Amino acid sequence: MQPNDIFIRAARLCGTGEEFLSENELTDIRARALDAINATLFDLCEHPGVKKLTEQIEIPEKIADAAVYGTAMFLSLAFGDVDKSTLFSEIYNQKRSAVKSSIGKITDVLPGMGDVL
């Protein structure tokens, strides 16, 4: 998966069509999107970050889906659309909770008895 895929899905959610993105350079928006993607990926899985939207990254689909809504939250805030940002914030927090609450490893935490006197 490329971060550009996350950016395109988030831009669509914000109301920016793919035609608009392909016709314009949008270096400012792409730079903001890169920062938003990096912040979201670090929050979700402590990913070190990407330098370009065209890099190839390996993340689970569940994290990528949550990252789309986190990126849309940041982009809509950058566009000045507070209502959409609030909506995406609620969705992102639900998806973030689902990602963060998954159990990855079960560890035995019962105390040892040691020597009994």
PDB file of N, CA and C in Angstrom:
ATOM      1  N   MET A   1       0.839  -1.171   0.000  1.00  0.00           N
ATOM      2  CA  MET A   1       0.000   0.000   0.000  1.00  0.00           C
ATOM      3  C   MET A   1       0.889   1.242   0.000  1.00  0.00           C
ATOM      4  N   GLN A   2       0.423   2.264  -0.660  1.00  0.00           N
ATOM      5  CA  GLN A   2       1.118   3.539  -0.684  1.00  0.00           C
ATOM      6  C   GLN A   2       0.334   4.561   0.132  1.00  0.00           C
ATOM      7  N   PRO A   3       1.049   5.488   0.790  1.00  0.00           N
ATOM      8  CA  PRO A   3       0.353   6.558   1.505  1.00  0.00           C
ATOM      9  C   PRO A   3      -0.546   7.386   0.580  1.00  0.00           C
ATOM     10  N   ASN A   4      -0.221   7.402  -0.710  1.00  0.00           N
ATOM     11  CA  ASN A   4      -1.049   8.133  -1.667  1.00  0.00           C
ATOM     12  C   ASN A   4      -2.459   7.550  -1.727  1.00  0.00           C
ATOM     13  N   ASP A   5      -2.581   6.224  -1.533  1.00  0.00           N
ATOM     14  CA  ASP A   5      -3.910   5.595  -1.499  1.00  0.00           C
ATOM     15  C   ASP A   5      -4.726   6.128  -0.321  1.00  0.00           C
ATOM     16  N   ILE A   6      -4.070   6.273   0.820  1.00  0.00           N
ATOM     17  CA  ILE A   6      -4.737   6.836   2.000  1.00  0.00           C
ATOM     18  C   ILE A   6      -5.155   8.275   1.718  1.00  0.00           C
ATOM     19  N   PHE A   7      -4.251   9.039   1.099  1.00  0.00           N
ATOM     20  CA  PHE A   7      -4.529  10.442   0.782  1.00  0.00           C
ATOM     21  C   PHE A   7      -5.725  10.578  -0.163  1.00  0.00           C
ATOM     22  N   ILE A   8      -5.789   9.760  -1.203  1.00  0.00           N
ATOM     23  CA  ILE A   8      -6.878   9.862  -2.178  1.00  0.00           C
ATOM     24  C   ILE A   8      -8.211   9.525  -1.524  1.00  0.00           C
ATOM     25  N   ARG A   9      -8.238   8.465  -0.713  1.00  0.00           N
ATOM     26  CA  ARG A   9      -9.494   8.107  -0.018  1.00  0.00           C
ATOM     27  C   ARG A   9      -9.915   9.207   0.953  1.00  0.00           C
ATOM     28  N   ALA A  10      -8.954   9.778   1.680  1.00  0.00           N
ATOM     29  CA  ALA A  10      -9.266  10.850   2.630  1.00  0.00           C
ATOM     30  C   ALA A  10      -9.743  12.106   1.897  1.00  0.00           C
ATOM     31  N   ALA A  11      -9.112  12.417   0.770  1.00  0.00           N
ATOM     32  CA  ALA A  11      -9.520  13.594  -0.006  1.00  0.00           C
ATOM     33  C   ALA A  11     -10.936  13.432  -0.534  1.00  0.00           C
ATOM     34  N   ARG A  12     -11.287  12.207  -0.957  1.00  0.00           N
ATOM     35  CA  ARG A  12     -12.662  11.950  -1.412  1.00  0.00           C
ATOM     36  C   ARG A  12     -13.661  12.166  -0.278  1.00  0.00           C
ATOM     37  N   LEU A  13     -13.302  11.708   0.912  1.00  0.00           N
ATOM     38  CA  LEU A  13     -14.183  11.909   2.062  1.00  0.00           C
ATOM     39  C   LEU A  13     -14.374  13.390   2.369  1.00  0.00           C
ATOM     40  N   CYS A  14     -13.335  14.176   2.124  1.00  0.00           N
ATOM     41  CA  CYS A  14     -13.403  15.619   2.374  1.00  0.00           C
ATOM     42  C   CYS A  14     -14.128  16.366   1.263  1.00  0.00           C
ATOM     43  N   GLY A  15     -14.474  15.658   0.185  1.00  0.00           N
ATOM     44  CA  GLY A  15     -15.203  16.293  -0.911  1.00  0.00           C
ATOM     45  C   GLY A  15     -14.327  16.748  -2.054  1.00  0.00           C
ATOM     46  N   THR A  16     -13.072  16.360  -2.064  1.00  0.00           N
ATOM     47  CA  THR A  16     -12.165  16.716  -3.147  1.00  0.00           C
ATOM     48  C   THR A  16     -12.083  15.529  -4.090  1.00  0.00           C
ATOM     49  N   GLY A  17     -12.532  15.717  -5.330  1.00  0.00           N
ATOM     50  CA  GLY A  17     -12.560  14.629  -6.297  1.00  0.00           C
ATOM     51  C   GLY A  17     -11.199  14.318  -6.874  1.00  0.00           C
ATOM     52  N   GLU A  18     -11.092  13.118  -7.443  1.00  0.00           N
ATOM     53  CA  GLU A  18      -9.833  12.682  -8.041  1.00  0.00           C
ATOM     54  C   GLU A  18      -9.475  13.513  -9.268  1.00  0.00           C
ATOM     55  N   GLU A  19     -10.489  14.023  -9.965  1.00  0.00           N
ATOM     56  CA  GLU A  19     -10.228  14.876 -11.131  1.00  0.00           C
ATOM     57  C   GLU A  19      -9.487  16.141 -10.707  1.00  0.00           C
ATOM     58  N   PHE A  20      -9.934  16.731  -9.604  1.00  0.00           N
ATOM     59  CA  PHE A  20      -9.303  17.946  -9.089  1.00  0.00           C
ATOM     60  C   PHE A  20      -7.865  17.664  -8.675  1.00  0.00           C
ATOM     61  N   LEU A  21      -7.642  16.499  -8.056  1.00  0.00           N
ATOM     62  CA  LEU A  21      -6.301  16.146  -7.603  1.00  0.00           C
ATOM     63  C   LEU A  21      -5.365  15.883  -8.772  1.00  0.00           C
ATOM     64  N   SER A  22      -5.871  15.280  -9.832  1.00  0.00           N
ATOM     65  CA  SER A  22      -5.009  14.965 -10.968  1.00  0.00           C
ATOM     66  C   SER A  22      -4.738  16.187 -11.843  1.00  0.00           C
ATOM     67  N   GLU A  23      -5.649  17.158 -11.854  1.00  0.00           N
ATOM     68  CA  GLU A  23      -5.476  18.349 -12.685  1.00  0.00           C
ATOM     69  C   GLU A  23      -4.554  19.382 -12.051  1.00  0.00           C
ATOM     70  N   ASN A  24      -4.422  19.377 -10.742  1.00  0.00           N
ATOM     71  CA  ASN A  24      -3.658  20.401 -10.048  1.00  0.00           C
ATOM     72  C   ASN A  24      -2.460  19.778  -9.332  1.00  0.00           C
ATOM     73  N   GLU A  25      -1.424  20.560  -9.175  1.00  0.00           N
ATOM     74  CA  GLU A  25      -0.214  20.080  -8.491  1.00  0.00           C
ATOM     75  C   GLU A  25      -0.463  19.884  -6.998  1.00  0.00           C
ATOM     76  N   LEU A  26      -1.083  20.869  -6.352  1.00  0.00           N
ATOM     77  CA  LEU A  26      -1.478  20.794  -4.948  1.00  0.00           C
ATOM     78  C   LEU A  26      -0.345  20.399  -4.005  1.00  0.00           C
ATOM     79  N   THR A  27       0.816  21.026  -4.171  1.00  0.00           N
ATOM     80  CA  THR A  27       1.954  20.672  -3.321  1.00  0.00           C
ATOM     81  C   THR A  27       1.680  20.972  -1.854  1.00  0.00           C
ATOM     82  N   ASP A  28       0.946  22.054  -1.575  1.00  0.00           N
ATOM     83  CA  ASP A  28       0.635  22.402  -0.192  1.00  0.00           C
ATOM     84  C   ASP A  28      -0.275  21.351   0.447  1.00  0.00           C
ATOM     85  N   ILE A  29      -1.309  20.942  -0.276  1.00  0.00           N
ATOM     86  CA  ILE A  29      -2.234  19.945   0.263  1.00  0.00           C
ATOM     87  C   ILE A  29      -1.542  18.597   0.417  1.00  0.00           C
ATOM     88  N   ARG A  30      -0.713  18.233  -0.545  1.00  0.00           N
ATOM     89  CA  ARG A  30       0.015  16.957  -0.452  1.00  0.00           C
ATOM     90  C   ARG A  30       0.997  16.974   0.720  1.00  0.00           C
ATOM     91  N   ALA A  31       1.618  18.116   0.985  1.00  0.00           N
ATOM     92  CA  ALA A  31       2.524  18.219   2.141  1.00  0.00           C
ATOM     93  C   ALA A  31       1.737  18.087   3.447  1.00  0.00           C
ATOM     94  N   ARG A  32       0.575  18.733   3.507  1.00  0.00           N
ATOM     95  CA  ARG A  32      -0.276  18.595   4.695  1.00  0.00           C
ATOM     96  C   ARG A  32      -0.754  17.152   4.853  1.00  0.00           C
ATOM     97  N   ALA A  33      -1.095  16.530   3.729  1.00  0.00           N
ATOM     98  CA  ALA A  33      -1.553  15.136   3.777  1.00  0.00           C
ATOM     99  C   ALA A  33      -0.444  14.223   4.270  1.00  0.00           C
ATOM    100  N   LEU A  34       0.775  14.462   3.838  1.00  0.00           N
ATOM    101  CA  LEU A  34       1.904  13.644   4.290  1.00  0.00           C
ATOM    102  C   LEU A  34       2.104  13.788   5.790  1.00  0.00           C
ATOM    103  N   ASP A  35       2.009  15.006   6.297  1.00  0.00           N
ATOM    104  CA  ASP A  35       2.111  15.224   7.742  1.00  0.00           C
ATOM    105  C   ASP A  35       0.959  14.545   8.485  1.00  0.00           C
ATOM    106  N   ALA A  36      -0.241  14.638   7.934  1.00  0.00           N
ATOM    107  CA  ALA A  36      -1.412  14.024   8.566  1.00  0.00           C
ATOM    108  C   ALA A  36      -1.289  12.498   8.574  1.00  0.00           C
ATOM    109  N   ILE A  37      -0.834  11.934   7.478  1.00  0.00           N
ATOM    110  CA  ILE A  37      -0.652  10.482   7.399  1.00  0.00           C
ATOM    111  C   ILE A  37       0.404  10.027   8.392  1.00  0.00           C
ATOM    112  N   ASN A  38       1.518  10.746   8.465  1.00  0.00           N
ATOM    113  CA  ASN A  38       2.580  10.377   9.411  1.00  0.00           C
ATOM    114  C   ASN A  38       2.099  10.466  10.858  1.00  0.00           C
ATOM    115  N   ALA A  39       1.353  11.510  11.185  1.00  0.00           N
ATOM    116  CA  ALA A  39       0.838  11.659  12.552  1.00  0.00           C
ATOM    117  C   ALA A  39      -0.139  10.537  12.884  1.00  0.00           C
ATOM    118  N   THR A  40      -0.993  10.210  11.930  1.00  0.00           N
ATOM    119  CA  THR A  40      -1.990   9.170  12.151  1.00  0.00           C
ATOM    120  C   THR A  40      -1.336   7.797  12.276  1.00  0.00           C
ATOM    121  N   LEU A  41      -0.390   7.488  11.385  1.00  0.00           N
ATOM    122  CA  LEU A  41       0.271   6.183  11.454  1.00  0.00           C
ATOM    123  C   LEU A  41       1.091   6.037  12.731  1.00  0.00           C
ATOM    124  N   PHE A  42       1.712   7.119  13.175  1.00  0.00           N
ATOM    125  CA  PHE A  42       2.462   7.035  14.430  1.00  0.00           C
ATOM    126  C   PHE A  42       1.509   6.793  15.599  1.00  0.00           C
ATOM    127  N   ASP A  43       0.371   7.453  15.576  1.00  0.00           N
ATOM    128  CA  ASP A  43      -0.615   7.269  16.642  1.00  0.00           C
ATOM    129  C   ASP A  43      -1.155   5.841  16.657  1.00  0.00           C
ATOM    130  N   LEU A  44      -1.385   5.276  15.481  1.00  0.00           N
ATOM    131  CA  LEU A  44      -1.994   3.950  15.408  1.00  0.00           C
ATOM    132  C   LEU A  44      -1.018   2.814  15.682  1.00  0.00           C
ATOM    133  N   CYS A  45       0.197   2.910  15.115  1.00  0.00           N
ATOM    134  CA  CYS A  45       1.104   1.758  15.218  1.00  0.00           C
ATOM    135  C   CYS A  45       2.564   2.151  15.414  1.00  0.00           C
ATOM    136  N   GLU A  46       2.798   3.399  15.792  1.00  0.00           N
ATOM    137  CA  GLU A  46       4.150   3.912  16.001  1.00  0.00           C
ATOM    138  C   GLU A  46       5.043   3.714  14.778  1.00  0.00           C
ATOM    139  N   HIS A  47       4.437   3.883  13.603  1.00  0.00           N
ATOM    140  CA  HIS A  47       5.167   3.813  12.334  1.00  0.00           C
ATOM    141  C   HIS A  47       6.126   4.997  12.277  1.00  0.00           C
ATOM    142  N   PRO A  48       7.377   4.787  11.865  1.00  0.00           N
ATOM    143  CA  PRO A  48       8.358   5.882  11.878  1.00  0.00           C
ATOM    144  C   PRO A  48       8.064   7.023  10.911  1.00  0.00           C
ATOM    145  N   GLY A  49       7.194   6.804   9.955  1.00  0.00           N
ATOM    146  CA  GLY A  49       6.839   7.877   9.030  1.00  0.00           C
ATOM    147  C   GLY A  49       7.353   7.617   7.634  1.00  0.00           C
ATOM    148  N   VAL A  50       6.767   8.335   6.699  1.00  0.00           N
ATOM    149  CA  VAL A  50       7.159   8.217   5.297  1.00  0.00           C
ATOM    150  C   VAL A  50       7.627   9.578   4.810  1.00  0.00           C
ATOM    151  N   LYS A  51       8.473   9.547   3.796  1.00  0.00           N
ATOM    152  CA  LYS A  51       9.007  10.793   3.250  1.00  0.00           C
ATOM    153  C   LYS A  51       8.260  11.247   2.002  1.00  0.00           C
ATOM    154  N   LYS A  52       7.661  10.274   1.276  1.00  0.00           N
ATOM    155  CA  LYS A  52       6.932  10.588   0.045  1.00  0.00           C
ATOM    156  C   LYS A  52       5.620   9.815   0.030  1.00  0.00           C
ATOM    157  N   LEU A  53       4.632  10.371  -0.635  1.00  0.00           N
ATOM    158  CA  LEU A  53       3.342   9.710  -0.745  1.00  0.00           C
ATOM    159  C   LEU A  53       3.404   8.457  -1.612  1.00  0.00           C
ATOM    160  N   THR A  54       4.450   8.332  -2.415  1.00  0.00           N
ATOM    161  CA  THR A  54       4.553   7.188  -3.326  1.00  0.00           C
ATOM    162  C   THR A  54       5.368   6.031  -2.754  1.00  0.00           C
ATOM    163  N   GLU A  55       5.809   6.137  -1.516  1.00  0.00           N
ATOM    164  CA  GLU A  55       6.547   5.034  -0.881  1.00  0.00           C
ATOM    165  C   GLU A  55       5.627   3.839  -0.695  1.00  0.00           C
ATOM    166  N   GLN A  56       6.214   2.676  -0.663  1.00  0.00           N
ATOM    167  CA  GLN A  56       5.454   1.457  -0.396  1.00  0.00           C
ATOM    168  C   GLN A  56       5.600   1.130   1.089  1.00  0.00           C
ATOM    169  N   ILE A  57       4.481   0.958   1.795  1.00  0.00           N
ATOM    170  CA  ILE A  57       4.527   0.621   3.213  1.00  0.00           C
ATOM    171  C   ILE A  57       3.687  -0.626   3.459  1.00  0.00           C
ATOM    172  N   GLU A  58       4.077  -1.358   4.472  1.00  0.00           N
ATOM    173  CA  GLU A  58       3.347  -2.568   4.845  1.00  0.00           C
ATOM    174  C   GLU A  58       2.625  -2.323   6.168  1.00  0.00           C
ATOM    175  N   ILE A  59       1.319  -2.138   6.091  1.00  0.00           N
ATOM    176  CA  ILE A  59       0.496  -1.985   7.293  1.00  0.00           C
ATOM    177  C   ILE A  59      -0.759  -2.822   7.100  1.00  0.00           C
ATOM    178  N   PRO A  60      -1.303  -3.340   8.179  1.00  0.00           N
ATOM    179  CA  PRO A  60      -2.547  -4.112   8.057  1.00  0.00           C
ATOM    180  C   PRO A  60      -3.704  -3.246   7.548  1.00  0.00           C
ATOM    181  N   GLU A  61      -4.657  -3.885   6.906  1.00  0.00           N
ATOM    182  CA  GLU A  61      -5.808  -3.188   6.327  1.00  0.00           C
ATOM    183  C   GLU A  61      -6.607  -2.436   7.385  1.00  0.00           C
ATOM    184  N   LYS A  62      -6.697  -3.000   8.580  1.00  0.00           N
ATOM    185  CA  LYS A  62      -7.441  -2.365   9.673  1.00  0.00           C
ATOM    186  C   LYS A  62      -6.808  -1.015  10.038  1.00  0.00           C
ATOM    187  N   ILE A  63      -5.478  -0.961  10.063  1.00  0.00           N
ATOM    188  CA  ILE A  63      -4.763   0.283  10.374  1.00  0.00           C
ATOM    189  C   ILE A  63      -4.896   1.264   9.218  1.00  0.00           C
ATOM    190  N   ALA A  64      -4.810   0.771   7.988  1.00  0.00           N
ATOM    191  CA  ALA A  64      -4.944   1.648   6.821  1.00  0.00           C
ATOM    192  C   ALA A  64      -6.325   2.298   6.785  1.00  0.00           C
ATOM    193  N   ASP A  65      -7.358   1.523   7.121  1.00  0.00           N
ATOM    194  CA  ASP A  65      -8.715   2.063   7.126  1.00  0.00           C
ATOM    195  C   ASP A  65      -8.859   3.163   8.181  1.00  0.00           C
ATOM    196  N   ALA A  66      -8.310   2.931   9.360  1.00  0.00           N
ATOM    197  CA  ALA A  66      -8.362   3.953  10.410  1.00  0.00           C
ATOM    198  C   ALA A  66      -7.547   5.178  10.004  1.00  0.00           C
ATOM    199  N   ALA A  67      -6.411   4.943   9.324  1.00  0.00           N
ATOM    200  CA  ALA A  67      -5.550   6.052   8.897  1.00  0.00           C
ATOM    201  C   ALA A  67      -6.260   6.963   7.901  1.00  0.00           C
ATOM    202  N   VAL A  68      -7.142   6.397   7.083  1.00  0.00           N
ATOM    203  CA  VAL A  68      -7.902   7.211   6.128  1.00  0.00           C
ATOM    204  C   VAL A  68      -8.748   8.239   6.872  1.00  0.00           C
ATOM    205  N   TYR A  69      -9.435   7.798   7.925  1.00  0.00           N
ATOM    206  CA  TYR A  69     -10.305   8.709   8.668  1.00  0.00           C
ATOM    207  C   TYR A  69      -9.502   9.706   9.515  1.00  0.00           C
ATOM    208  N   GLY A  70      -8.347   9.284  10.027  1.00  0.00           N
ATOM    209  CA  GLY A  70      -7.479  10.211  10.744  1.00  0.00           C
ATOM    210  C   GLY A  70      -6.943  11.292   9.821  1.00  0.00           C
ATOM    211  N   THR A  71      -6.540  10.878   8.617  1.00  0.00           N
ATOM    212  CA  THR A  71      -6.048  11.836   7.626  1.00  0.00           C
ATOM    213  C   THR A  71      -7.171  12.776   7.183  1.00  0.00           C
ATOM    214  N   ALA A  72      -8.363  12.227   6.970  1.00  0.00           N
ATOM    215  CA  ALA A  72      -9.508  13.070   6.589  1.00  0.00           C
ATOM    216  C   ALA A  72      -9.830  14.069   7.694  1.00  0.00           C
ATOM    217  N   MET A  73      -9.676  13.645   8.944  1.00  0.00           N
ATOM    218  CA  MET A  73      -9.924  14.543  10.077  1.00  0.00           C
ATOM    219  C   MET A  73      -8.964  15.738  10.018  1.00  0.00           C
ATOM    220  N   PHE A  74      -7.677  15.456   9.824  1.00  0.00           N
ATOM    221  CA  PHE A  74      -6.682  16.530   9.762  1.00  0.00           C
ATOM    222  C   PHE A  74      -6.869  17.406   8.528  1.00  0.00           C
ATOM    223  N   LEU A  75      -7.151  16.798   7.376  1.00  0.00           N
ATOM    224  CA  LEU A  75      -7.318  17.577   6.144  1.00  0.00           C
ATOM    225  C   LEU A  75      -8.551  18.477   6.203  1.00  0.00           C
ATOM    226  N   SER A  76      -9.651  17.953   6.723  1.00  0.00           N
ATOM    227  CA  SER A  76     -10.852  18.795   6.799  1.00  0.00           C
ATOM    228  C   SER A  76     -10.634  19.953   7.764  1.00  0.00           C
ATOM    229  N   LEU A  77      -9.852  19.724   8.795  1.00  0.00           N
ATOM    230  CA  LEU A  77      -9.513  20.816   9.701  1.00  0.00           C
ATOM    231  C   LEU A  77      -8.635  21.848   8.985  1.00  0.00           C
ATOM    232  N   ALA A  78      -7.709  21.362   8.152  1.00  0.00           N
ATOM    233  CA  ALA A  78      -6.862  22.273   7.375  1.00  0.00           C
ATOM    234  C   ALA A  78      -7.676  23.055   6.349  1.00  0.00           C
ATOM    235  N   PHE A  79      -8.738  22.443   5.807  1.00  0.00           N
ATOM    236  CA  PHE A  79      -9.606  23.117   4.847  1.00  0.00           C
ATOM    237  C   PHE A  79     -10.565  24.076   5.535  1.00  0.00           C
ATOM    238  N   GLY A  80     -10.641  24.025   6.873  1.00  0.00           N
ATOM    239  CA  GLY A  80     -11.530  24.912   7.616  1.00  0.00           C
ATOM    240  C   GLY A  80     -12.938  24.374   7.782  1.00  0.00           C
ATOM    241  N   ASP A  81     -13.136  23.097   7.512  1.00  0.00           N
ATOM    242  CA  ASP A  81     -14.459  22.490   7.644  1.00  0.00           C
ATOM    243  C   ASP A  81     -14.545  21.781   8.997  1.00  0.00           C
ATOM    244  N   VAL A  82     -14.971  22.506  10.007  1.00  0.00           N
ATOM    245  CA  VAL A  82     -14.988  21.995  11.382  1.00  0.00           C
ATOM    246  C   VAL A  82     -16.028  20.895  11.554  1.00  0.00           C
ATOM    247  N   ASP A  83     -17.164  21.002  10.858  1.00  0.00           N
ATOM    248  CA  ASP A  83     -18.207  19.985  10.989  1.00  0.00           C
ATOM    249  C   ASP A  83     -17.720  18.623  10.504  1.00  0.00           C
ATOM    250  N   LYS A  84     -17.085  18.597   9.338  1.00  0.00           N
ATOM    251  CA  LYS A  84     -16.548  17.333   8.830  1.00  0.00           C
ATOM    252  C   LYS A  84     -15.420  16.831   9.725  1.00  0.00           C
ATOM    253  N   SER A  85     -14.603  17.734  10.220  1.00  0.00           N
ATOM    254  CA  SER A  85     -13.511  17.327  11.101  1.00  0.00           C
ATOM    255  C   SER A  85     -14.045  16.661  12.356  1.00  0.00           C
ATOM    256  N   THR A  86     -15.118  17.181  12.903  1.00  0.00           N
ATOM    257  CA  THR A  86     -15.737  16.588  14.089  1.00  0.00           C
ATOM    258  C   THR A  86     -16.278  15.195  13.776  1.00  0.00           C
ATOM    259  N   LEU A  87     -16.936  15.055  12.637  1.00  0.00           N
ATOM    260  CA  LEU A  87     -17.469  13.763  12.230  1.00  0.00           C
ATOM    261  C   LEU A  87     -16.343  12.742  12.035  1.00  0.00           C
ATOM    262  N   PHE A  88     -15.296  13.141  11.302  1.00  0.00           N
ATOM    263  CA  PHE A  88     -14.183  12.224  11.061  1.00  0.00           C
ATOM    264  C   PHE A  88     -13.437  11.903  12.351  1.00  0.00           C
ATOM    265  N   SER A  89     -13.409  12.846  13.268  1.00  0.00           N
ATOM    266  CA  SER A  89     -12.770  12.611  14.560  1.00  0.00           C
ATOM    267  C   SER A  89     -13.485  11.505  15.328  1.00  0.00           C
ATOM    268  N   GLU A  90     -14.818  11.542  15.313  1.00  0.00           N
ATOM    269  CA  GLU A  90     -15.590  10.503  15.993  1.00  0.00           C
ATOM    270  C   GLU A  90     -15.364   9.134  15.355  1.00  0.00           C
ATOM    271  N   ILE A  91     -15.387   9.085  14.028  1.00  0.00           N
ATOM    272  CA  ILE A  91     -15.174   7.812  13.325  1.00  0.00           C
ATOM    273  C   ILE A  91     -13.753   7.311  13.561  1.00  0.00           C
ATOM    274  N   TYR A  92     -12.776   8.232  13.477  1.00  0.00           N
ATOM    275  CA  TYR A  92     -11.379   7.845  13.685  1.00  0.00           C
ATOM    276  C   TYR A  92     -11.173   7.289  15.097  1.00  0.00           C
ATOM    277  N   ASN A  93     -11.752   7.921  16.096  1.00  0.00           N
ATOM    278  CA  ASN A  93     -11.584   7.439  17.466  1.00  0.00           C
ATOM    279  C   ASN A  93     -12.185   6.057  17.665  1.00  0.00           C
ATOM    280  N   GLN A  94     -13.285   5.760  17.005  1.00  0.00           N
ATOM    281  CA  GLN A  94     -13.862   4.422  17.083  1.00  0.00           C
ATOM    282  C   GLN A  94     -12.956   3.391  16.418  1.00  0.00           C
ATOM    283  N   LYS A  95     -12.449   3.732  15.234  1.00  0.00           N
ATOM    284  CA  LYS A  95     -11.565   2.808  14.523  1.00  0.00           C
ATOM    285  C   LYS A  95     -10.225   2.679  15.247  1.00  0.00           C
ATOM    286  N   ARG A  96      -9.747   3.757  15.833  1.00  0.00           N
ATOM    287  CA  ARG A  96      -8.504   3.732  16.600  1.00  0.00           C
ATOM    288  C   ARG A  96      -8.648   2.819  17.813  1.00  0.00           C
ATOM    289  N   SER A  97      -9.782   2.912  18.488  1.00  0.00           N
ATOM    290  CA  SER A  97     -10.031   2.048  19.642  1.00  0.00           C
ATOM    291  C   SER A  97     -10.037   0.580  19.235  1.00  0.00           C
ATOM    292  N   ALA A  98     -10.624   0.283  18.080  1.00  0.00           N
ATOM    293  CA  ALA A  98     -10.654  -1.095  17.597  1.00  0.00           C
ATOM    294  C   ALA A  98      -9.247  -1.602  17.289  1.00  0.00           C
ATOM    295  N   VAL A  99      -8.408  -0.739  16.722  1.00  0.00           N
ATOM    296  CA  VAL A  99      -7.034  -1.135  16.406  1.00  0.00           C
ATOM    297  C   VAL A  99      -6.223  -1.311  17.678  1.00  0.00           C
ATOM    298  N   LYS A 100      -6.341  -0.365  18.590  1.00  0.00           N
ATOM    299  CA  LYS A 100      -5.539  -0.387  19.816  1.00  0.00           C
ATOM    300  C   LYS A 100      -5.981  -1.462  20.801  1.00  0.00           C
ATOM    301  N   SER A 101      -7.243  -1.878  20.747  1.00  0.00           N
ATOM    302  CA  SER A 101      -7.732  -2.815  21.739  1.00  0.00           C
ATOM    303  C   SER A 101      -7.543  -4.269  21.342  1.00  0.00           C
ATOM    304  N   SER A 102      -7.060  -4.523  20.139  1.00  0.00           N
ATOM    305  CA  SER A 102      -6.878  -5.912  19.743  1.00  0.00           C
ATOM    306  C   SER A 102      -5.735  -6.540  20.536  1.00  0.00           C
ATOM    307  N   ILE A 103      -5.960  -7.756  20.979  1.00  0.00           N
ATOM    308  CA  ILE A 103      -4.982  -8.461  21.809  1.00  0.00           C
ATOM    309  C   ILE A 103      -3.965  -9.112  20.887  1.00  0.00           C
ATOM    310  N   GLY A 104      -2.719  -8.773  21.069  1.00  0.00           N
ATOM    311  CA  GLY A 104      -1.664  -9.332  20.237  1.00  0.00           C
ATOM    312  C   GLY A 104      -0.960 -10.507  20.893  1.00  0.00           C
ATOM    313  N   LYS A 105      -0.859 -10.507  22.220  1.00  0.00           N
ATOM    314  CA  LYS A 105      -0.119 -11.549  22.907  1.00  0.00           C
ATOM    315  C   LYS A 105      -0.679 -11.689  24.321  1.00  0.00           C
ATOM    316  N   ILE A 106      -0.885 -12.907  24.737  1.00  0.00           N
ATOM    317  CA  ILE A 106      -1.375 -13.166  26.083  1.00  0.00           C
ATOM    318  C   ILE A 106      -0.197 -13.634  26.919  1.00  0.00           C
ATOM    319  N   THR A 107      -0.004 -12.996  28.047  1.00  0.00           N
ATOM    320  CA  THR A 107       1.122 -13.310  28.912  1.00  0.00           C
ATOM    321  C   THR A 107       0.608 -13.779  30.266  1.00  0.00           C
ATOM    322  N   ASP A 108       1.291 -14.768  30.827  1.00  0.00           N
ATOM    323  CA  ASP A 108       0.935 -15.259  32.150  1.00  0.00           C
ATOM    324  C   ASP A 108       1.427 -14.238  33.169  1.00  0.00           C
ATOM    325  N   VAL A 109       0.508 -13.679  33.946  1.00  0.00           N
ATOM    326  CA  VAL A 109       0.877 -12.645  34.915  1.00  0.00           C
ATOM    327  C   VAL A 109       0.607 -13.082  36.361  1.00  0.00           C
ATOM    328  N   LEU A 110       0.363 -14.374  36.575  1.00  0.00           N
ATOM    329  CA  LEU A 110       0.145 -14.841  37.935  1.00  0.00           C
ATOM    330  C   LEU A 110       1.467 -14.813  38.697  1.00  0.00           C
ATOM    331  N   PRO A 111       1.440 -14.396  39.933  1.00  0.00           N
ATOM    332  CA  PRO A 111       2.691 -14.330  40.698  1.00  0.00           C
ATOM    333  C   PRO A 111       3.214 -15.725  40.999  1.00  0.00           C
ATOM    334  N   GLY A 112       4.519 -15.836  41.025  1.00  0.00           N
ATOM    335  CA  GLY A 112       5.153 -17.112  41.386  1.00  0.00           C
ATOM    336  C   GLY A 112       5.099 -17.331  42.890  1.00  0.00           C
ATOM    337  N   MET A 113       5.082 -18.568  43.296  1.00  0.00           N
ATOM    338  CA  MET A 113       4.974 -18.891  44.715  1.00  0.00           C
ATOM    339  C   MET A 113       6.343 -18.911  45.407  1.00  0.00           C
ATOM    340  N   GLY A 114       7.366 -19.317  44.695  1.00  0.00           N
ATOM    341  CA  GLY A 114       8.687 -19.388  45.336  1.00  0.00           C
ATOM    342  C   GLY A 114       8.709 -20.459  46.411  1.00  0.00           C
ATOM    343  N   ASP A 115       9.607 -20.337  47.341  1.00  0.00           N
ATOM    344  CA  ASP A 115       9.698 -21.288  48.444  1.00  0.00           C
ATOM    345  C   ASP A 115       8.693 -20.921  49.520  1.00  0.00           C
ATOM    346  N   VAL A 116       7.950 -21.918  49.961  1.00  0.00           N
ATOM    347  CA  VAL A 116       6.975 -21.719  51.021  1.00  0.00           C
ATOM    348  C   VAL A 116       7.599 -22.233  52.313  1.00  0.00           C
ATOM    349  N   LEU A 117       7.615 -21.418  53.359  1.00  0.00           N
ATOM    350  CA  LEU A 117       8.201 -21.823  54.635  1.00  0.00           C
ATOM    351  C   LEU A 117       7.211 -22.428  55.552  1.00  0.00           C
TER     352      LEU A 117
END
